[in-house]
């Protein structure tokens, strides 16, 4: 049964739901994603989704992979970003993360999985090719998170562009993003974290017909507050969600604590 939120509101154009726990956030977002995907499959016979990676997405991915009645053989899966030059077998590789925590658990293989090619010796060509793939399979659903510095995918505050002319690009990673990866346990120290990555841009992420922003955990509370209460600015990329009517923000009590202490 889908968990009930402890609070709902709308900030400008953005619906926000607060749930009691991380687990409830994942279950609620997965239930909404499954309904939307089921409707898409019934209407069009296939669907395309973009998934985020990272520890904050685990409860959502675990719940989504267990949703009954979804024919994953008709679903094409993209993801958002990958470190430049990382070994695809490295524990921090994002395609590997999706394989381990999502794809390997499905009862049937997905229609197609397109991993971001972080090992391509020509990163600019890799970006252009991935953009072409995504444009040829327009995303129905994008499930994303918000970084501790307010980023969407690896669109960090120094480099985010709400009007980016491309859908994928090479970026230098902000130190806050690199520290987050260490804090999540993916690397032993900041010197081990790659300095550059390939990322879908903000226009690419928000081009999906439906966007679920899944943001549990207390370490995200400050970013949530800035996203919802601060100026809409590339200094806090996630603030653009307030102008995205087809998005929905899912918080738990910890990530909502600084913005909705009563929830």
Protein backbone atom coordinates (compact mmCIF):
# COMPACT_ATOMS: atom_id res chain seq x y z
CA UNK A 1 0.00 0.00 0.00
CA UNK A 2 1.31 3.46 -0.88
CA UNK A 3 2.39 5.41 2.22
CA UNK A 4 0.48 8.56 3.05
CA UNK A 5 2.40 11.84 3.36
CA UNK A 6 2.56 13.66 6.66
CA UNK A 7 2.29 16.95 4.74
CA UNK A 8 1.67 18.17 1.21
CA UNK A 9 2.11 21.63 -0.23
CA UNK A 10 2.98 23.41 -3.45
CA UNK A 11 5.92 25.80 -3.72
CA UNK A 12 5.27 28.02 -6.74
CA UNK A 13 4.65 25.34 -9.42
CA UNK A 14 6.23 22.41 -7.54
CA UNK A 15 4.11 19.87 -5.59
CA UNK A 16 5.92 18.72 -2.44
CA UNK A 17 5.10 15.66 -0.34
CA UNK A 18 6.74 14.92 3.01
CA UNK A 19 6.80 11.37 4.37
CA UNK A 20 7.72 9.95 7.74
CA UNK A 21 10.79 8.00 6.61
CA UNK A 22 13.26 7.35 3.82
CA UNK A 23 11.56 4.00 3.24
CA UNK A 24 8.17 5.68 2.81
CA UNK A 25 9.64 8.19 0.34
CA UNK A 26 10.99 5.37 -1.82
CA UNK A 27 7.74 3.41 -1.72
CA UNK A 28 5.56 6.42 -2.52
CA UNK A 29 7.72 7.64 -5.38
CA UNK A 30 7.97 4.11 -6.80
CA UNK A 31 4.19 3.70 -6.65
CA UNK A 32 3.67 6.97 -8.52
CA UNK A 33 6.36 6.03 -11.05
CA UNK A 34 4.76 2.62 -11.63
CA UNK A 35 1.32 4.12 -12.25
CA UNK A 36 2.74 6.62 -14.72
CA UNK A 37 4.80 3.97 -16.53
CA UNK A 38 1.85 1.60 -16.69
CA UNK A 39 -0.29 4.33 -18.25
CA UNK A 40 2.49 5.13 -20.72
CA UNK A 41 2.93 1.49 -21.71
CA UNK A 42 -0.82 1.07 -22.21
CA UNK A 43 -0.98 4.20 -24.36
CA UNK A 44 2.21 3.82 -26.40
CA UNK A 45 3.47 0.26 -25.96
CA UNK A 46 6.87 1.37 -24.73
CA UNK A 47 8.47 3.86 -22.36
CA UNK A 48 11.79 5.57 -21.75
CA UNK A 49 13.11 6.53 -18.32
CA UNK A 50 16.13 8.30 -16.82
CA UNK A 51 17.27 7.06 -13.42
CA UNK A 52 19.56 8.63 -10.84
CA UNK A 53 22.12 6.78 -8.77
CA UNK A 54 23.51 7.36 -5.28
CA UNK A 55 22.65 6.19 -1.80
CA UNK A 56 19.61 8.45 -1.49
CA UNK A 57 17.98 6.62 -4.40
CA UNK A 58 18.26 3.13 -2.95
CA UNK A 59 14.84 2.88 -1.30
CA UNK A 60 13.20 4.13 -4.50
CA UNK A 61 15.09 1.71 -6.75
CA UNK A 62 14.41 -1.22 -4.41
CA UNK A 63 10.69 -0.40 -4.35
CA UNK A 64 10.45 0.23 -8.09
CA UNK A 65 12.09 -3.06 -9.04
CA UNK A 66 9.51 -4.89 -6.90
CA UNK A 67 6.46 -3.13 -8.37
CA UNK A 68 4.10 -5.73 -9.86
CA UNK A 69 2.63 -5.59 -13.33
CA UNK A 70 5.32 -3.56 -15.10
CA UNK A 71 6.62 -5.05 -18.34
CA UNK A 72 10.24 -3.94 -18.19
CA UNK A 73 10.92 -5.55 -21.57
CA UNK A 74 9.18 -2.51 -23.07
CA UNK A 75 11.16 0.08 -21.08
CA UNK A 76 14.38 1.78 -22.21
CA UNK A 77 16.63 2.96 -19.38
CA UNK A 78 19.05 5.88 -19.41
CA UNK A 79 20.90 7.38 -16.48
CA UNK A 80 22.34 10.79 -15.76
CA UNK A 81 26.08 10.88 -15.38
CA UNK A 82 29.36 9.03 -15.08
CA UNK A 83 32.87 9.86 -14.01
CA UNK A 84 35.27 10.52 -16.83
CA UNK A 85 37.70 7.65 -17.31
CA UNK A 86 36.52 5.50 -14.40
CA UNK A 87 36.90 1.73 -14.67
CA UNK A 88 33.40 0.35 -15.43
CA UNK A 89 33.97 -2.28 -12.72
CA UNK A 90 34.84 0.31 -10.07
CA UNK A 91 32.35 0.16 -7.18
CA UNK A 92 31.56 3.86 -7.74
CA UNK A 93 30.69 3.47 -11.43
CA UNK A 94 27.11 4.62 -11.92
CA UNK A 95 26.15 2.06 -14.61
CA UNK A 96 27.47 -0.64 -12.27
CA UNK A 97 25.38 0.86 -9.44
CA UNK A 98 22.23 0.52 -11.54
CA UNK A 99 23.11 -3.03 -12.53
CA UNK A 100 23.71 -4.07 -8.91
CA UNK A 101 20.78 -2.26 -7.30
CA UNK A 102 18.13 -2.31 -10.02
CA UNK A 103 18.63 -3.99 -13.39
CA UNK A 104 19.89 -7.33 -12.06
CA UNK A 105 16.76 -7.68 -9.91
CA UNK A 106 14.12 -7.33 -12.63
CA UNK A 107 12.20 -10.41 -13.67
CA UNK A 108 12.78 -9.60 -17.34
CA UNK A 109 15.58 -7.60 -18.97
CA UNK A 110 14.73 -4.05 -19.96
CA UNK A 111 14.16 -3.21 -23.62
CA UNK A 112 17.53 -1.43 -23.67
CA UNK A 113 19.98 0.04 -21.17
CA UNK A 114 22.24 2.84 -22.34
CA UNK A 115 25.07 3.46 -19.87
CA UNK A 116 26.80 6.84 -20.00
CA UNK A 117 30.13 6.08 -21.78
CA UNK A 118 32.63 7.51 -19.31
CA UNK A 119 35.47 5.46 -20.80
CA UNK A 120 35.20 6.82 -24.34
CA UNK A 121 38.59 8.28 -25.36
CA UNK A 122 36.72 11.12 -27.09
CA UNK A 123 34.41 12.52 -24.39
CA UNK A 124 32.91 15.20 -26.61
CA UNK A 125 31.92 12.59 -29.17
CA UNK A 126 30.53 10.41 -26.37
CA UNK A 127 28.37 13.31 -25.20
CA UNK A 128 27.04 13.97 -28.70
CA UNK A 129 26.25 10.30 -29.26
CA UNK A 130 24.47 9.93 -25.91
CA UNK A 131 22.45 13.08 -26.56
CA UNK A 132 21.39 11.65 -29.93
CA UNK A 133 20.31 8.40 -28.25
CA UNK A 134 18.22 10.26 -25.69
CA UNK A 135 16.61 12.50 -28.29
CA UNK A 136 15.68 9.41 -30.31
CA UNK A 137 14.07 7.87 -27.19
CA UNK A 138 12.42 10.90 -25.53
CA UNK A 139 12.16 10.38 -21.79
CA UNK A 140 8.74 9.81 -20.32
CA UNK A 141 9.96 9.73 -16.72
CA UNK A 142 13.03 11.18 -15.00
CA UNK A 143 13.71 10.15 -11.39
CA UNK A 144 16.43 12.36 -9.92
CA UNK A 145 17.89 13.46 -6.61
CA UNK A 146 19.31 16.72 -5.28
CA UNK A 147 22.96 16.87 -4.27
CA UNK A 148 24.20 18.27 -0.99
CA UNK A 149 25.30 21.39 -2.91
CA UNK A 150 21.93 21.64 -4.70
CA UNK A 151 23.08 20.00 -7.91
CA UNK A 152 20.92 18.05 -10.35
CA UNK A 153 22.91 15.16 -11.82
CA UNK A 154 26.45 16.61 -11.96
CA UNK A 155 25.28 20.11 -12.83
CA UNK A 156 27.13 21.70 -9.93
CA UNK A 157 26.58 25.35 -8.95
CA UNK A 158 29.73 26.65 -10.67
CA UNK A 159 28.77 25.09 -14.00
CA UNK A 160 24.98 24.63 -14.07
CA UNK A 161 23.11 26.32 -16.90
CA UNK A 162 19.31 26.45 -16.98
CA UNK A 163 19.48 27.29 -20.71
CA UNK A 164 22.20 24.82 -21.67
CA UNK A 165 22.22 24.40 -25.48
CA UNK A 166 23.35 20.75 -25.25
CA UNK A 167 21.84 17.74 -23.50
CA UNK A 168 25.11 16.20 -22.32
CA UNK A 169 28.49 17.72 -21.56
CA UNK A 170 31.81 17.19 -19.79
CA UNK A 171 32.02 19.04 -16.47
CA UNK A 172 34.62 19.68 -13.81
CA UNK A 173 33.24 18.48 -10.49
CA UNK A 174 32.74 20.91 -7.64
CA UNK A 175 34.69 19.95 -4.50
CA UNK A 176 31.39 19.66 -2.61
CA UNK A 177 30.24 16.97 -5.05
CA UNK A 178 33.51 15.12 -4.68
CA UNK A 179 33.32 15.26 -0.88
CA UNK A 180 29.77 13.92 -1.04
CA UNK A 181 31.00 10.85 -2.90
CA UNK A 182 33.56 10.22 -0.17
CA UNK A 183 30.92 10.74 2.52
CA UNK A 184 28.65 8.18 0.85
CA UNK A 185 31.48 5.64 0.97
CA UNK A 186 32.12 5.33 -2.76
CA UNK A 187 35.76 6.48 -2.52
CA UNK A 188 38.29 6.33 0.35
CA UNK A 189 39.33 9.98 0.10
CA UNK A 190 38.79 13.04 -2.09
CA UNK A 191 42.04 12.46 -3.97
CA UNK A 192 40.55 9.21 -5.30
CA UNK A 193 37.44 10.91 -6.71
CA UNK A 194 37.71 11.81 -10.41
CA UNK A 195 37.79 15.53 -11.14
CA UNK A 196 35.58 15.41 -14.27
CA UNK A 197 32.40 13.69 -15.37
CA UNK A 198 29.88 13.43 -18.19
CA UNK A 199 26.42 14.65 -17.23
CA UNK A 200 23.01 15.20 -18.72
CA UNK A 201 22.27 18.90 -18.54
CA UNK A 202 19.33 20.48 -16.75
CA UNK A 203 17.29 20.98 -19.96
CA UNK A 204 17.77 17.29 -20.78
CA UNK A 205 16.59 16.16 -17.34
CA UNK A 206 13.55 18.42 -17.31
CA UNK A 207 12.54 17.50 -20.88
CA UNK A 208 11.01 14.28 -19.49
CA UNK A 209 7.22 14.31 -19.40
CA UNK A 210 7.26 13.63 -15.64
CA UNK A 211 10.04 14.38 -13.13
CA UNK A 212 10.22 12.79 -9.68
CA UNK A 213 12.71 14.47 -7.32
CA UNK A 214 13.44 11.91 -4.59
CA UNK A 215 15.33 13.57 -1.74
CA UNK A 216 15.46 11.79 1.62
CA UNK A 217 18.14 12.02 4.36
CA UNK A 218 19.13 14.76 6.78
CA UNK A 219 22.32 15.59 4.89
CA UNK A 220 20.09 17.03 2.15
CA UNK A 221 18.11 19.34 4.46
CA UNK A 222 20.14 22.47 3.75
CA UNK A 223 19.98 21.89 -0.03
CA UNK A 224 16.22 21.39 0.20
CA UNK A 225 15.83 24.63 2.14
CA UNK A 226 17.88 26.57 -0.41
CA UNK A 227 15.99 24.95 -3.30
CA UNK A 228 12.57 25.85 -1.91
CA UNK A 229 13.20 29.11 -0.06
CA UNK A 230 16.16 30.74 -1.79
CA UNK A 231 16.29 32.53 -5.11
CA UNK A 232 15.80 30.55 -8.31
CA UNK A 233 19.39 30.59 -9.39
CA UNK A 234 22.09 28.43 -10.92
CA UNK A 235 23.89 28.89 -7.58
CA UNK A 236 21.36 26.28 -6.38
CA UNK A 237 20.47 24.32 -9.52
CA UNK A 238 17.60 22.40 -7.89
CA UNK A 239 15.74 25.68 -7.35
CA UNK A 240 14.60 25.42 -11.01
CA UNK A 241 12.22 22.66 -9.91
CA UNK A 242 9.96 25.38 -8.48
CA UNK A 243 9.28 26.41 -12.07
CA UNK A 244 8.68 22.84 -13.27
CA UNK A 245 4.98 22.00 -13.11
CA UNK A 246 5.52 18.40 -14.24
CA UNK A 247 7.88 17.72 -11.32
CA UNK A 248 7.07 16.38 -7.83
CA UNK A 249 9.39 16.59 -4.81
CA UNK A 250 9.42 13.75 -2.26
CA UNK A 251 11.00 14.45 1.15
CA UNK A 252 11.31 12.55 4.40
CA UNK A 253 11.09 14.12 7.85
CA UNK A 254 14.87 14.56 8.00
CA UNK A 255 15.38 16.23 4.62
CA UNK A 256 12.32 18.44 5.27
CA UNK A 257 13.37 19.43 8.79
CA UNK A 258 14.84 22.85 7.97
CA UNK A 259 12.03 23.82 5.59
CA UNK A 260 8.95 22.21 7.18
CA UNK A 261 9.82 21.61 10.85
CA UNK A 262 6.16 20.95 11.60
CA UNK A 263 5.94 18.02 9.14
